[in-house]
Each structure stands twice: as C-alpha cells, then as structure tokens.
Amino acid sequence: MSRWILPTTADIGLRAFGDDAVAAMREAALGMQDIQIAEGFTTSGLPRNESVWTIERPLQDYDRALVRWLEETLYRAQAEGEWLCDVELQIQDESIEARVIWVDVDLVEREVEIKAVTMHEVALIQVGQGEVVAGVEPDIPSFEGPGWMAQVVFDI
C-alpha cells in the first residue's frame, strides 16, 4: 500500500505515492474506495466485471486530471452501480483510459459516503530524484523521489 489518510478538519483527505503519475492516480482511486468501504469488508468473493472507462483529460493539468478520474470513479458507483476494485490506467493526449474491474455497488458494504472530490489541496506532482515531500504527523511518512505524489481532499 502506498496511500495514507490525510488529516483534515472537517472532510477526509488522502495522500498516495507511485512510481509514475498513473500509479499515483491508481493508488488515489483505490484509497478513495478503501475510505468508503466498511471495516473488515472485502470485495474479493464478489462476482467481477470488466469494462473500459474513458475520461476526458484536461490538457497539461495533472491536478484536474486526478480530480476528473476520481469524480468518474464516484459517478460510476453512484449512478451506474459499478464499484471500482482494480484498474489499469493509460494517460492519452486528451483522455484517460481505464481498464477497470468492478463489482455491483449493491453488494458492497459501505460506512462512509464521499459526496465530492474537492480542489482543496489537490496535487498530482512529480517528485525528482533526491527531493523529499515532508510527511504529515502522525501517520503519513515522508516520500523521497523519484516518483509521483497524489493528494486530494474529499467532501463527506
């Protein structure tokens, strides 16, 4: 696991790390799902489905691309009944292509509802060789590059 809950005052945040932008975005989406799911519940025994989701990507704006991807993941659960379990992402010139594995949302036991993905403190940044992103006490460790960091706050 390369993701941790980010302490905020009223909402809930997440910080995730990956080797590249795609890995950080994947970790952020899976972390968002983990926040919502009931403690001790697992989707591993549920019937799986596969789909391709295509999301329009704002050009050269990684922060907005992260938000759009997470918004799509929320939308698919809330409106289409597709609960994301795993994903393989590809960032194209004008879109994000997600090959997803999902389960029926009605079979998923949830205890937290994320209402929206916010732009507050959002970041999807490349961390260069030797650069350090300071941790957040008490649980989020520092991260030394090279790699990518995704950070987002959710409205609950």
N, C-alpha and C. Protein backbone atom coordinates (compact mmCIF):
# COMPACT_ATOMS: atom_id res chain seq x y z
N MET A 1 0.85 -1.18 0.00
CA MET A 1 0.00 0.00 0.00
C MET A 1 0.88 1.23 0.00
N SER A 2 0.53 2.17 -0.84
CA SER A 2 1.28 3.42 -0.92
C SER A 2 0.34 4.60 -0.77
N ARG A 3 -0.58 4.50 0.20
CA ARG A 3 -1.53 5.59 0.42
C ARG A 3 -1.88 5.67 1.90
N TRP A 4 -2.15 6.92 2.34
CA TRP A 4 -2.47 7.17 3.74
C TRP A 4 -3.57 8.21 3.83
N ILE A 5 -4.36 8.14 4.92
CA ILE A 5 -5.38 9.14 5.20
C ILE A 5 -4.67 10.43 5.58
N LEU A 6 -5.11 11.54 5.00
CA LEU A 6 -4.55 12.87 5.24
C LEU A 6 -5.42 13.57 6.27
N PRO A 7 -4.86 14.01 7.40
CA PRO A 7 -5.69 14.66 8.40
C PRO A 7 -6.21 16.02 7.91
N THR A 8 -7.52 16.22 8.03
CA THR A 8 -8.16 17.50 7.71
C THR A 8 -9.15 17.79 8.83
N THR A 9 -9.67 19.02 8.85
CA THR A 9 -10.54 19.41 9.96
C THR A 9 -11.95 18.84 9.83
N ALA A 10 -12.59 18.95 8.68
CA ALA A 10 -13.99 18.54 8.56
C ALA A 10 -14.20 17.41 7.56
N ASP A 11 -13.39 17.37 6.53
CA ASP A 11 -13.55 16.37 5.48
C ASP A 11 -12.52 15.27 5.69
N ILE A 12 -12.24 14.52 4.65
CA ILE A 12 -11.21 13.48 4.75
C ILE A 12 -10.31 13.58 3.53
N GLY A 13 -9.02 13.45 3.75
CA GLY A 13 -8.07 13.56 2.65
C GLY A 13 -7.27 12.29 2.48
N LEU A 14 -6.49 12.28 1.40
CA LEU A 14 -5.70 11.11 1.05
C LEU A 14 -4.42 11.57 0.38
N ARG A 15 -3.32 10.93 0.72
CA ARG A 15 -2.06 11.14 0.02
C ARG A 15 -1.58 9.78 -0.46
N ALA A 16 -1.20 9.71 -1.74
CA ALA A 16 -0.76 8.45 -2.33
C ALA A 16 0.53 8.68 -3.10
N PHE A 17 1.34 7.65 -3.20
CA PHE A 17 2.60 7.72 -3.92
C PHE A 17 2.67 6.61 -4.96
N GLY A 18 3.41 6.87 -6.04
CA GLY A 18 3.62 5.87 -7.06
C GLY A 18 4.87 6.16 -7.85
N ASP A 19 5.30 5.18 -8.63
CA ASP A 19 6.50 5.35 -9.46
C ASP A 19 6.28 6.37 -10.57
N ASP A 20 5.03 6.48 -11.04
CA ASP A 20 4.70 7.43 -12.10
C ASP A 20 3.32 8.01 -11.83
N ALA A 21 2.86 8.93 -12.69
CA ALA A 21 1.57 9.59 -12.49
C ALA A 21 0.43 8.58 -12.48
N VAL A 22 0.49 7.60 -13.38
CA VAL A 22 -0.55 6.58 -13.48
C VAL A 22 -0.65 5.78 -12.18
N ALA A 23 0.49 5.39 -11.62
CA ALA A 23 0.49 4.61 -10.38
C ALA A 23 -0.07 5.43 -9.21
N ALA A 24 0.28 6.71 -9.14
CA ALA A 24 -0.24 7.57 -8.07
C ALA A 24 -1.75 7.76 -8.21
N MET A 25 -2.24 7.92 -9.45
CA MET A 25 -3.68 8.05 -9.69
C MET A 25 -4.42 6.76 -9.33
N ARG A 26 -3.82 5.64 -9.65
CA ARG A 26 -4.42 4.34 -9.30
C ARG A 26 -4.53 4.20 -7.79
N GLU A 27 -3.44 4.49 -7.09
CA GLU A 27 -3.44 4.40 -5.63
C GLU A 27 -4.47 5.34 -5.01
N ALA A 28 -4.62 6.55 -5.58
CA ALA A 28 -5.60 7.51 -5.06
C ALA A 28 -7.02 6.96 -5.20
N ALA A 29 -7.32 6.37 -6.35
CA ALA A 29 -8.67 5.82 -6.57
C ALA A 29 -8.94 4.64 -5.64
N LEU A 30 -7.98 3.74 -5.52
CA LEU A 30 -8.17 2.59 -4.63
C LEU A 30 -8.25 3.02 -3.17
N GLY A 31 -7.48 4.06 -2.83
CA GLY A 31 -7.56 4.61 -1.48
C GLY A 31 -8.91 5.24 -1.20
N MET A 32 -9.47 5.93 -2.19
CA MET A 32 -10.80 6.52 -2.05
C MET A 32 -11.83 5.43 -1.79
N GLN A 33 -11.70 4.32 -2.50
CA GLN A 33 -12.62 3.20 -2.30
C GLN A 33 -12.46 2.62 -0.88
N ASP A 34 -11.21 2.49 -0.44
CA ASP A 34 -10.95 1.96 0.91
C ASP A 34 -11.55 2.84 2.00
N ILE A 35 -11.54 4.15 1.80
CA ILE A 35 -12.13 5.07 2.78
C ILE A 35 -13.61 4.78 2.96
N GLN A 36 -14.29 4.46 1.87
CA GLN A 36 -15.74 4.30 1.91
C GLN A 36 -16.21 2.94 2.40
N ILE A 37 -15.41 1.92 2.18
CA ILE A 37 -15.85 0.55 2.45
C ILE A 37 -15.85 0.26 3.95
N ALA A 38 -16.78 -0.56 4.39
CA ALA A 38 -16.88 -0.90 5.81
C ALA A 38 -15.65 -1.68 6.26
N GLU A 39 -15.21 -1.39 7.48
CA GLU A 39 -14.04 -2.05 8.04
C GLU A 39 -14.26 -3.56 8.07
N GLY A 40 -13.29 -4.30 7.57
CA GLY A 40 -13.37 -5.75 7.55
C GLY A 40 -14.08 -6.33 6.34
N PHE A 41 -14.75 -5.49 5.54
CA PHE A 41 -15.45 -5.98 4.36
C PHE A 41 -14.45 -6.12 3.21
N THR A 42 -14.62 -7.14 2.40
CA THR A 42 -13.78 -7.32 1.22
C THR A 42 -14.64 -7.66 0.01
N THR A 43 -14.21 -7.19 -1.13
CA THR A 43 -14.92 -7.47 -2.38
C THR A 43 -14.38 -8.71 -3.07
N SER A 44 -13.39 -9.36 -2.48
CA SER A 44 -12.69 -10.45 -3.17
C SER A 44 -13.58 -11.62 -3.58
N GLY A 45 -14.65 -11.90 -2.85
CA GLY A 45 -15.50 -13.02 -3.20
C GLY A 45 -16.69 -12.67 -4.07
N LEU A 46 -16.80 -11.40 -4.46
CA LEU A 46 -17.95 -10.95 -5.25
C LEU A 46 -17.73 -11.18 -6.74
N PRO A 47 -18.81 -11.39 -7.51
CA PRO A 47 -18.68 -11.54 -8.97
C PRO A 47 -18.06 -10.29 -9.59
N ARG A 48 -17.07 -10.50 -10.45
CA ARG A 48 -16.32 -9.40 -11.06
C ARG A 48 -16.78 -9.13 -12.49
N ASN A 49 -16.68 -7.87 -12.87
CA ASN A 49 -16.98 -7.43 -14.24
C ASN A 49 -15.80 -6.62 -14.74
N GLU A 50 -15.63 -6.57 -16.05
CA GLU A 50 -14.56 -5.77 -16.65
C GLU A 50 -15.17 -4.79 -17.63
N SER A 51 -14.64 -3.57 -17.63
CA SER A 51 -15.10 -2.52 -18.55
C SER A 51 -13.93 -1.62 -18.88
N VAL A 52 -14.14 -0.77 -19.87
CA VAL A 52 -13.20 0.31 -20.18
C VAL A 52 -13.95 1.62 -19.98
N TRP A 53 -13.42 2.47 -19.12
CA TRP A 53 -13.97 3.81 -18.91
C TRP A 53 -13.02 4.79 -19.59
N THR A 54 -13.57 5.71 -20.36
CA THR A 54 -12.76 6.75 -21.00
C THR A 54 -13.19 8.09 -20.43
N ILE A 55 -12.23 8.84 -19.92
CA ILE A 55 -12.49 10.11 -19.26
C ILE A 55 -11.73 11.21 -20.00
N GLU A 56 -12.41 12.31 -20.30
CA GLU A 56 -11.74 13.45 -20.93
C GLU A 56 -10.70 13.99 -19.97
N ARG A 57 -9.53 14.30 -20.51
CA ARG A 57 -8.42 14.78 -19.68
C ARG A 57 -8.09 16.22 -20.01
N PRO A 58 -8.09 17.10 -18.99
CA PRO A 58 -7.65 18.47 -19.23
C PRO A 58 -6.18 18.47 -19.67
N LEU A 59 -5.88 19.13 -20.75
CA LEU A 59 -4.51 19.14 -21.27
C LEU A 59 -3.54 19.77 -20.29
N GLN A 60 -2.44 19.10 -20.06
CA GLN A 60 -1.32 19.59 -19.26
C GLN A 60 -1.70 20.02 -17.85
N ASP A 61 -2.79 19.53 -17.31
CA ASP A 61 -3.20 19.87 -15.95
C ASP A 61 -3.40 18.58 -15.16
N TYR A 62 -2.33 18.13 -14.55
CA TYR A 62 -2.38 16.87 -13.83
C TYR A 62 -3.34 16.91 -12.64
N ASP A 63 -3.40 18.05 -11.93
CA ASP A 63 -4.30 18.15 -10.79
C ASP A 63 -5.74 17.91 -11.21
N ARG A 64 -6.17 18.58 -12.27
CA ARG A 64 -7.55 18.42 -12.75
C ARG A 64 -7.78 17.02 -13.33
N ALA A 65 -6.76 16.44 -13.92
CA ALA A 65 -6.88 15.06 -14.42
C ALA A 65 -7.14 14.10 -13.26
N LEU A 66 -6.44 14.29 -12.16
CA LEU A 66 -6.66 13.46 -10.97
C LEU A 66 -8.09 13.62 -10.47
N VAL A 67 -8.55 14.87 -10.37
CA VAL A 67 -9.91 15.12 -9.89
C VAL A 67 -10.94 14.51 -10.84
N ARG A 68 -10.76 14.68 -12.15
CA ARG A 68 -11.70 14.10 -13.12
C ARG A 68 -11.76 12.58 -12.99
N TRP A 69 -10.61 11.94 -12.82
CA TRP A 69 -10.56 10.49 -12.67
C TRP A 69 -11.31 10.04 -11.42
N LEU A 70 -11.07 10.72 -10.30
CA LEU A 70 -11.74 10.35 -9.06
C LEU A 70 -13.24 10.64 -9.11
N GLU A 71 -13.61 11.75 -9.76
CA GLU A 71 -15.04 12.06 -9.95
C GLU A 71 -15.73 10.98 -10.77
N GLU A 72 -15.05 10.50 -11.81
CA GLU A 72 -15.62 9.44 -12.64
C GLU A 72 -15.82 8.16 -11.82
N THR A 73 -14.85 7.85 -10.97
CA THR A 73 -14.96 6.67 -10.12
C THR A 73 -16.16 6.78 -9.18
N LEU A 74 -16.35 7.96 -8.59
CA LEU A 74 -17.53 8.19 -7.73
C LEU A 74 -18.82 8.09 -8.53
N TYR A 75 -18.84 8.74 -9.70
CA TYR A 75 -20.03 8.73 -10.55
C TYR A 75 -20.42 7.30 -10.93
N ARG A 76 -19.44 6.50 -11.32
CA ARG A 76 -19.73 5.12 -11.73
C ARG A 76 -20.37 4.33 -10.60
N ALA A 77 -19.95 4.57 -9.37
CA ALA A 77 -20.56 3.87 -8.23
C ALA A 77 -21.96 4.41 -7.96
N GLN A 78 -22.10 5.73 -7.93
CA GLN A 78 -23.38 6.33 -7.54
C GLN A 78 -24.45 6.21 -8.62
N ALA A 79 -24.10 6.39 -9.87
CA ALA A 79 -25.10 6.44 -10.95
C ALA A 79 -25.19 5.16 -11.77
N GLU A 80 -24.08 4.46 -11.92
CA GLU A 80 -24.05 3.27 -12.78
C GLU A 80 -23.98 1.96 -12.00
N GLY A 81 -23.77 2.05 -10.68
CA GLY A 81 -23.72 0.84 -9.86
C GLY A 81 -22.45 0.03 -10.01
N GLU A 82 -21.36 0.67 -10.45
CA GLU A 82 -20.09 -0.01 -10.71
C GLU A 82 -19.05 0.39 -9.66
N TRP A 83 -18.76 -0.50 -8.73
CA TRP A 83 -17.81 -0.24 -7.66
C TRP A 83 -16.41 -0.68 -8.11
N LEU A 84 -15.51 0.28 -8.26
CA LEU A 84 -14.14 0.00 -8.71
C LEU A 84 -13.39 -0.87 -7.70
N CYS A 85 -12.82 -1.97 -8.20
CA CYS A 85 -12.00 -2.87 -7.37
C CYS A 85 -10.53 -2.82 -7.77
N ASP A 86 -10.28 -2.67 -9.07
CA ASP A 86 -8.91 -2.58 -9.56
C ASP A 86 -8.93 -1.89 -10.91
N VAL A 87 -7.78 -1.36 -11.31
CA VAL A 87 -7.74 -0.59 -12.54
C VAL A 87 -6.33 -0.58 -13.12
N GLU A 88 -6.28 -0.53 -14.43
CA GLU A 88 -5.05 -0.29 -15.18
C GLU A 88 -5.31 0.97 -16.00
N LEU A 89 -4.56 2.03 -15.72
CA LEU A 89 -4.77 3.32 -16.37
C LEU A 89 -3.76 3.58 -17.46
N GLN A 90 -4.21 4.31 -18.49
CA GLN A 90 -3.32 4.84 -19.52
C GLN A 90 -3.72 6.29 -19.75
N ILE A 91 -2.73 7.18 -19.70
CA ILE A 91 -3.00 8.59 -19.98
C ILE A 91 -2.71 8.84 -21.44
N GLN A 92 -3.74 9.23 -22.17
CA GLN A 92 -3.63 9.57 -23.60
C GLN A 92 -3.49 11.09 -23.72
N ASP A 93 -3.35 11.59 -24.96
CA ASP A 93 -3.23 13.03 -25.17
C ASP A 93 -4.41 13.80 -24.62
N GLU A 94 -5.63 13.34 -24.89
CA GLU A 94 -6.81 14.08 -24.48
C GLU A 94 -7.76 13.28 -23.60
N SER A 95 -7.33 12.10 -23.17
CA SER A 95 -8.22 11.28 -22.35
C SER A 95 -7.41 10.37 -21.42
N ILE A 96 -8.14 9.81 -20.48
CA ILE A 96 -7.61 8.78 -19.61
C ILE A 96 -8.41 7.53 -19.92
N GLU A 97 -7.71 6.45 -20.25
CA GLU A 97 -8.39 5.19 -20.49
C GLU A 97 -8.16 4.29 -19.29
N ALA A 98 -9.26 3.81 -18.72
CA ALA A 98 -9.19 2.97 -17.53
C ALA A 98 -9.79 1.61 -17.83
N ARG A 99 -8.97 0.58 -17.75
CA ARG A 99 -9.47 -0.80 -17.85
C ARG A 99 -9.75 -1.23 -16.42
N VAL A 100 -11.03 -1.32 -16.10
CA VAL A 100 -11.44 -1.50 -14.71
C VAL A 100 -12.02 -2.87 -14.44
N ILE A 101 -11.84 -3.30 -13.21
CA ILE A 101 -12.53 -4.46 -12.67
C ILE A 101 -13.45 -3.89 -11.60
N TRP A 102 -14.74 -4.23 -11.71
CA TRP A 102 -15.72 -3.67 -10.79
C TRP A 102 -16.72 -4.73 -10.35
N VAL A 103 -17.40 -4.42 -9.23
CA VAL A 103 -18.47 -5.27 -8.73
C VAL A 103 -19.73 -4.42 -8.59
N ASP A 104 -20.86 -5.08 -8.48
CA ASP A 104 -22.14 -4.40 -8.29
C ASP A 104 -22.11 -3.65 -6.96
N VAL A 105 -22.36 -2.35 -7.01
CA VAL A 105 -22.28 -1.50 -5.83
C VAL A 105 -23.24 -1.95 -4.72
N ASP A 106 -24.35 -2.56 -5.10
CA ASP A 106 -25.32 -3.01 -4.10
C ASP A 106 -24.80 -4.15 -3.23
N LEU A 107 -23.73 -4.80 -3.67
CA LEU A 107 -23.13 -5.89 -2.90
C LEU A 107 -22.03 -5.41 -1.96
N VAL A 108 -21.70 -4.12 -2.03
CA VAL A 108 -20.58 -3.56 -1.27
C VAL A 108 -21.12 -2.90 0.01
N GLU A 109 -20.57 -3.32 1.14
CA GLU A 109 -20.95 -2.73 2.43
C GLU A 109 -20.08 -1.50 2.68
N ARG A 110 -20.75 -0.34 2.76
CA ARG A 110 -20.03 0.92 2.95
C ARG A 110 -20.41 1.56 4.28
N GLU A 111 -19.47 2.33 4.84
CA GLU A 111 -19.80 3.06 6.07
C GLU A 111 -19.51 4.55 5.96
N VAL A 112 -18.79 4.98 4.94
CA VAL A 112 -18.52 6.41 4.71
C VAL A 112 -18.99 6.74 3.31
N GLU A 113 -19.70 7.86 3.17
CA GLU A 113 -20.11 8.30 1.84
C GLU A 113 -19.28 9.52 1.45
N ILE A 114 -18.55 9.40 0.37
CA ILE A 114 -17.85 10.56 -0.19
C ILE A 114 -18.81 11.23 -1.15
N LYS A 115 -19.11 12.50 -0.87
CA LYS A 115 -20.07 13.24 -1.69
C LYS A 115 -19.41 13.87 -2.91
N ALA A 116 -18.15 14.31 -2.74
CA ALA A 116 -17.49 15.00 -3.84
C ALA A 116 -15.98 14.98 -3.66
N VAL A 117 -15.29 15.16 -4.78
CA VAL A 117 -13.84 15.35 -4.81
C VAL A 117 -13.63 16.86 -4.87
N THR A 118 -12.82 17.40 -3.98
CA THR A 118 -12.62 18.86 -3.96
C THR A 118 -11.29 19.23 -4.63
N MET A 119 -11.16 20.50 -4.95
CA MET A 119 -9.90 21.03 -5.47
C MET A 119 -9.00 21.53 -4.33
N HIS A 120 -9.50 21.49 -3.10
CA HIS A 120 -8.75 21.96 -1.94
C HIS A 120 -7.53 21.07 -1.72
N GLU A 121 -6.35 21.65 -1.76
CA GLU A 121 -5.08 20.96 -1.53
C GLU A 121 -4.79 19.84 -2.53
N VAL A 122 -5.50 19.83 -3.68
CA VAL A 122 -5.27 18.78 -4.67
C VAL A 122 -3.88 18.93 -5.29
N ALA A 123 -3.24 17.81 -5.52
CA ALA A 123 -1.92 17.83 -6.15
C ALA A 123 -1.65 16.48 -6.80
N LEU A 124 -1.09 16.53 -7.98
CA LEU A 124 -0.51 15.36 -8.63
C LEU A 124 0.81 15.85 -9.18
N ILE A 125 1.88 15.58 -8.44
CA ILE A 125 3.17 16.18 -8.77
C ILE A 125 4.26 15.13 -8.88
N GLN A 126 5.21 15.46 -9.75
CA GLN A 126 6.40 14.62 -9.90
C GLN A 126 7.41 15.06 -8.85
N VAL A 127 7.98 14.09 -8.17
CA VAL A 127 8.99 14.34 -7.15
C VAL A 127 10.31 13.85 -7.72
N GLY A 128 11.24 14.78 -7.90
CA GLY A 128 12.51 14.46 -8.54
C GLY A 128 13.44 13.64 -7.66
N GLN A 129 14.46 13.09 -8.30
CA GLN A 129 15.49 12.32 -7.60
C GLN A 129 16.05 13.16 -6.46
N GLY A 130 16.04 12.62 -5.25
CA GLY A 130 16.59 13.30 -4.09
C GLY A 130 15.66 14.32 -3.44
N GLU A 131 14.57 14.71 -4.10
CA GLU A 131 13.59 15.62 -3.49
C GLU A 131 12.80 14.85 -2.44
N VAL A 132 12.38 15.58 -1.41
CA VAL A 132 11.61 14.96 -0.33
C VAL A 132 10.31 15.72 -0.13
N VAL A 133 9.21 14.98 -0.09
CA VAL A 133 7.92 15.54 0.30
C VAL A 133 7.76 15.22 1.77
N ALA A 134 7.65 16.26 2.59
CA ALA A 134 7.55 16.07 4.03
C ALA A 134 6.30 15.28 4.39
N GLY A 135 6.43 14.43 5.38
CA GLY A 135 5.29 13.67 5.87
C GLY A 135 4.34 14.56 6.66
N VAL A 136 3.21 14.00 7.02
CA VAL A 136 2.22 14.69 7.84
C VAL A 136 2.00 13.85 9.09
N GLU A 137 2.29 14.45 10.24
CA GLU A 137 2.14 13.72 11.51
C GLU A 137 0.68 13.42 11.78
N PRO A 138 0.34 12.32 12.35
CA PRO A 138 1.25 11.32 12.88
C PRO A 138 1.49 10.13 11.96
N ASP A 139 0.74 10.01 10.85
CA ASP A 139 0.76 8.74 10.12
C ASP A 139 1.40 8.73 8.74
N ILE A 140 1.47 9.88 8.07
CA ILE A 140 1.95 9.87 6.69
C ILE A 140 3.46 10.06 6.67
N PRO A 141 4.19 9.10 6.13
CA PRO A 141 5.65 9.22 6.09
C PRO A 141 6.12 10.22 5.04
N SER A 142 7.36 10.65 5.17
CA SER A 142 7.98 11.45 4.12
C SER A 142 8.20 10.56 2.90
N PHE A 143 8.29 11.19 1.74
CA PHE A 143 8.50 10.45 0.50
C PHE A 143 9.67 11.07 -0.23
N GLU A 144 10.65 10.25 -0.56
CA GLU A 144 11.81 10.74 -1.31
C GLU A 144 11.73 10.23 -2.74
N GLY A 145 11.88 11.17 -3.69
CA GLY A 145 11.81 10.83 -5.09
C GLY A 145 12.99 10.00 -5.54
N PRO A 146 12.88 9.45 -6.71
CA PRO A 146 11.93 9.83 -7.76
C PRO A 146 10.59 9.11 -7.60
N GLY A 147 9.56 9.78 -8.09
CA GLY A 147 8.22 9.22 -8.08
C GLY A 147 7.19 10.31 -8.22
N TRP A 148 5.96 9.97 -7.95
CA TRP A 148 4.84 10.92 -8.04
C TRP A 148 4.02 10.86 -6.77
N MET A 149 3.44 12.02 -6.40
CA MET A 149 2.56 12.11 -5.25
C MET A 149 1.20 12.62 -5.70
N ALA A 150 0.15 11.96 -5.24
CA ALA A 150 -1.22 12.43 -5.44
C ALA A 150 -1.78 12.79 -4.07
N GLN A 151 -2.45 13.93 -4.01
CA GLN A 151 -3.08 14.35 -2.76
C GLN A 151 -4.43 14.95 -3.09
N VAL A 152 -5.45 14.60 -2.29
CA VAL A 152 -6.80 15.08 -2.56
C VAL A 152 -7.60 15.09 -1.27
N VAL A 153 -8.57 16.02 -1.20
CA VAL A 153 -9.49 16.10 -0.06
C VAL A 153 -10.89 15.82 -0.59
N PHE A 154 -11.63 14.99 0.15
CA PHE A 154 -12.98 14.60 -0.23
C PHE A 154 -13.99 15.25 0.70
N ASP A 155 -15.13 15.64 0.14
CA ASP A 155 -16.26 16.16 0.91
C ASP A 155 -17.09 14.96 1.35
N ILE A 156 -17.26 14.81 2.68
CA ILE A 156 -18.05 13.68 3.18
C ILE A 156 -19.31 14.16 3.88
